[in-house]
């Protein structure tokens, strides 16, 4: 999978996240974003770092010649992350506590 294909794939996995919005978030023009996704141009290191942050993956995962489509779990986490943007600080704190509870329960279940 090429870099452009990965960028397109990861962006499309985020619900309602358009190429236009992605370009705005990266402070790029739409044509530049299109060139990245079509492998006509390679993003600079700073843009790659911003992309990896948005996608919640490592820079290595973004730029290495690997097939990221097998990372279904990571994609679900990214989708969940973008839903969190709409929560209040209080609800984010509640979710944090609940996540801690789920992790501790899961650890206990694995020990049994």
C-alpha atoms as a PDB file:
ATOM      1  CA  UNK A   1       0.000   0.000   0.000  1.00  0.00           C
ATOM      2  CA  UNK A   2       1.428   3.371  -0.999  1.00  0.00           C
ATOM      3  CA  UNK A   3       1.536   6.398   1.264  1.00  0.00           C
ATOM      4  CA  UNK A   4      -1.236   8.084  -0.691  1.00  0.00           C
ATOM      5  CA  UNK A   5      -3.420   4.988  -0.447  1.00  0.00           C
ATOM      6  CA  UNK A   6      -2.844   4.855   3.315  1.00  0.00           C
ATOM      7  CA  UNK A   7      -3.732   8.505   3.751  1.00  0.00           C
ATOM      8  CA  UNK A   8      -6.946   8.021   1.777  1.00  0.00           C
ATOM      9  CA  UNK A   9      -7.818   4.773   3.554  1.00  0.00           C
ATOM     10  CA  UNK A  10      -7.276   6.202   7.033  1.00  0.00           C
ATOM     11  CA  UNK A  11      -9.131   9.426   6.286  1.00  0.00           C
ATOM     12  CA  UNK A  12     -12.118   7.535   4.885  1.00  0.00           C
ATOM     13  CA  UNK A  13     -12.292   5.366   8.010  1.00  0.00           C
ATOM     14  CA  UNK A  14     -13.167   8.417  10.098  1.00  0.00           C
ATOM     15  CA  UNK A  15     -16.922   8.972   9.833  1.00  0.00           C
ATOM     16  CA  UNK A  16     -17.864  12.163   8.005  1.00  0.00           C
ATOM     17  CA  UNK A  17     -14.220  13.228   7.715  1.00  0.00           C
ATOM     18  CA  UNK A  18     -13.910  14.691   4.244  1.00  0.00           C
ATOM     19  CA  UNK A  19     -10.792  15.462   2.283  1.00  0.00           C
ATOM     20  CA  UNK A  20     -11.716  19.142   2.594  1.00  0.00           C
ATOM     21  CA  UNK A  21     -11.908  18.957   6.402  1.00  0.00           C
ATOM     22  CA  UNK A  22      -8.658  16.988   6.521  1.00  0.00           C
ATOM     23  CA  UNK A  23      -6.936  19.633   4.391  1.00  0.00           C
ATOM     24  CA  UNK A  24      -8.265  22.394   6.656  1.00  0.00           C
ATOM     25  CA  UNK A  25      -7.075  20.571   9.785  1.00  0.00           C
ATOM     26  CA  UNK A  26      -3.619  20.235   8.236  1.00  0.00           C
ATOM     27  CA  UNK A  27      -3.667  23.851   6.995  1.00  0.00           C
ATOM     28  CA  UNK A  28      -3.317  22.665   3.400  1.00  0.00           C
ATOM     29  CA  UNK A  29      -5.201  23.390   0.205  1.00  0.00           C
ATOM     30  CA  UNK A  30      -7.585  20.835  -1.260  1.00  0.00           C
ATOM     31  CA  UNK A  31      -5.424  20.382  -4.401  1.00  0.00           C
ATOM     32  CA  UNK A  32      -2.354  19.672  -2.231  1.00  0.00           C
ATOM     33  CA  UNK A  33      -4.310  17.071  -0.268  1.00  0.00           C
ATOM     34  CA  UNK A  34      -5.436  15.486  -3.526  1.00  0.00           C
ATOM     35  CA  UNK A  35      -1.833  15.302  -4.746  1.00  0.00           C
ATOM     36  CA  UNK A  36      -0.832  13.524  -1.530  1.00  0.00           C
ATOM     37  CA  UNK A  37      -3.628  10.988  -1.864  1.00  0.00           C
ATOM     38  CA  UNK A  38      -2.849  10.432  -5.555  1.00  0.00           C
ATOM     39  CA  UNK A  39       0.881   9.916  -4.842  1.00  0.00           C
ATOM     40  CA  UNK A  40       1.784  12.937  -6.961  1.00  0.00           C
ATOM     41  CA  UNK A  41       3.456  14.661  -4.036  1.00  0.00           C
ATOM     42  CA  UNK A  42       4.922  13.576  -0.705  1.00  0.00           C
ATOM     43  CA  UNK A  43       4.041  15.468   2.486  1.00  0.00           C
ATOM     44  CA  UNK A  44       6.880  17.035   4.457  1.00  0.00           C
ATOM     45  CA  UNK A  45       7.820  15.562   7.819  1.00  0.00           C
ATOM     46  CA  UNK A  46       5.779  18.092   9.782  1.00  0.00           C
ATOM     47  CA  UNK A  47       2.630  17.300   7.806  1.00  0.00           C
ATOM     48  CA  UNK A  48       3.255  13.565   8.197  1.00  0.00           C
ATOM     49  CA  UNK A  49       3.520  14.001  11.967  1.00  0.00           C
ATOM     50  CA  UNK A  50       0.233  15.942  12.028  1.00  0.00           C
ATOM     51  CA  UNK A  51      -1.434  13.233   9.927  1.00  0.00           C
ATOM     52  CA  UNK A  52      -0.219  10.477  12.236  1.00  0.00           C
ATOM     53  CA  UNK A  53      -1.554  12.446  15.218  1.00  0.00           C
ATOM     54  CA  UNK A  54      -4.956  12.881  13.583  1.00  0.00           C
ATOM     55  CA  UNK A  55      -5.117   9.185  12.707  1.00  0.00           C
ATOM     56  CA  UNK A  56      -3.808   8.202  16.152  1.00  0.00           C
ATOM     57  CA  UNK A  57      -1.107   5.976  14.694  1.00  0.00           C
ATOM     58  CA  UNK A  58       2.653   6.134  14.818  1.00  0.00           C
ATOM     59  CA  UNK A  59       4.633   7.889  12.146  1.00  0.00           C
ATOM     60  CA  UNK A  60       6.223   4.496  11.376  1.00  0.00           C
ATOM     61  CA  UNK A  61       2.803   2.967  10.710  1.00  0.00           C
ATOM     62  CA  UNK A  62       1.982   5.820   8.368  1.00  0.00           C
ATOM     63  CA  UNK A  63       5.141   5.882   6.270  1.00  0.00           C
ATOM     64  CA  UNK A  64       6.373   2.282   6.277  1.00  0.00           C
ATOM     65  CA  UNK A  65       5.480   0.107   3.320  1.00  0.00           C
ATOM     66  CA  UNK A  66       2.990  -2.045   5.211  1.00  0.00           C
ATOM     67  CA  UNK A  67      -0.661  -2.899   4.759  1.00  0.00           C
ATOM     68  CA  UNK A  68      -2.496  -0.902   7.380  1.00  0.00           C
ATOM     69  CA  UNK A  69      -5.890  -2.304   6.383  1.00  0.00           C
ATOM     70  CA  UNK A  70      -5.286  -5.260   8.682  1.00  0.00           C
ATOM     71  CA  UNK A  71      -5.247  -2.956  11.694  1.00  0.00           C
ATOM     72  CA  UNK A  72      -8.993  -2.999  12.213  1.00  0.00           C
ATOM     73  CA  UNK A  73      -8.699  -2.416  15.935  1.00  0.00           C
ATOM     74  CA  UNK A  74      -6.687   0.766  15.414  1.00  0.00           C
ATOM     75  CA  UNK A  75      -9.301   2.064  12.994  1.00  0.00           C
ATOM     76  CA  UNK A  76     -12.084   1.496  15.527  1.00  0.00           C
ATOM     77  CA  UNK A  77     -10.079   3.405  18.111  1.00  0.00           C
ATOM     78  CA  UNK A  78      -9.655   6.322  15.695  1.00  0.00           C
ATOM     79  CA  UNK A  79     -13.387   6.437  15.042  1.00  0.00           C
ATOM     80  CA  UNK A  80     -14.070   6.401  18.765  1.00  0.00           C
ATOM     81  CA  UNK A  81     -11.562   9.195  19.352  1.00  0.00           C
ATOM     82  CA  UNK A  82     -13.327  11.528  16.926  1.00  0.00           C
ATOM     83  CA  UNK A  83     -16.624  10.910  18.694  1.00  0.00           C
ATOM     84  CA  UNK A  84     -15.028  12.087  21.934  1.00  0.00           C
ATOM     85  CA  UNK A  85     -14.560  15.598  20.558  1.00  0.00           C
ATOM     86  CA  UNK A  86     -18.241  16.221  21.230  1.00  0.00           C
ATOM     87  CA  UNK A  87     -18.200  15.240  24.913  1.00  0.00           C
ATOM     88  CA  UNK A  88     -18.021  17.661  27.801  1.00  0.00           C
ATOM     89  CA  UNK A  89     -15.003  17.590  30.096  1.00  0.00           C
ATOM     90  CA  UNK A  90     -17.160  16.002  32.791  1.00  0.00           C
ATOM     91  CA  UNK A  91     -18.265  13.188  30.497  1.00  0.00           C
ATOM     92  CA  UNK A  92     -14.724  12.613  29.286  1.00  0.00           C
ATOM     93  CA  UNK A  93     -13.675  12.177  32.918  1.00  0.00           C
ATOM     94  CA  UNK A  94     -16.517   9.692  33.456  1.00  0.00           C
ATOM     95  CA  UNK A  95     -15.468   7.795  30.358  1.00  0.00           C
ATOM     96  CA  UNK A  96     -11.895   7.738  31.594  1.00  0.00           C
ATOM     97  CA  UNK A  97     -12.969   6.134  34.878  1.00  0.00           C
ATOM     98  CA  UNK A  98     -15.178   3.639  33.098  1.00  0.00           C
ATOM     99  CA  UNK A  99     -12.329   2.710  30.748  1.00  0.00           C
ATOM    100  CA  UNK A 100     -10.064   2.117  33.745  1.00  0.00           C
ATOM    101  CA  UNK A 101     -12.746  -0.141  35.197  1.00  0.00           C
ATOM    102  CA  UNK A 102     -13.085  -2.112  31.945  1.00  0.00           C
ATOM    103  CA  UNK A 103      -9.330  -2.562  31.651  1.00  0.00           C
ATOM    104  CA  UNK A 104      -9.026  -3.772  35.233  1.00  0.00           C
ATOM    105  CA  UNK A 105     -11.940  -6.186  34.716  1.00  0.00           C
ATOM    106  CA  UNK A 106     -10.392  -7.489  31.513  1.00  0.00           C
ATOM    107  CA  UNK A 107      -7.060  -8.064  33.263  1.00  0.00           C
ATOM    108  CA  UNK A 108      -8.824 -10.004  36.021  1.00  0.00           C
ATOM    109  CA  UNK A 109     -10.720 -12.101  33.454  1.00  0.00           C
ATOM    110  CA  UNK A 110      -7.474 -13.038  31.698  1.00  0.00           C
ATOM    111  CA  UNK A 111      -5.913 -14.232  34.930  1.00  0.00           C
ATOM    112  CA  UNK A 112      -8.761 -16.691  35.594  1.00  0.00           C
END
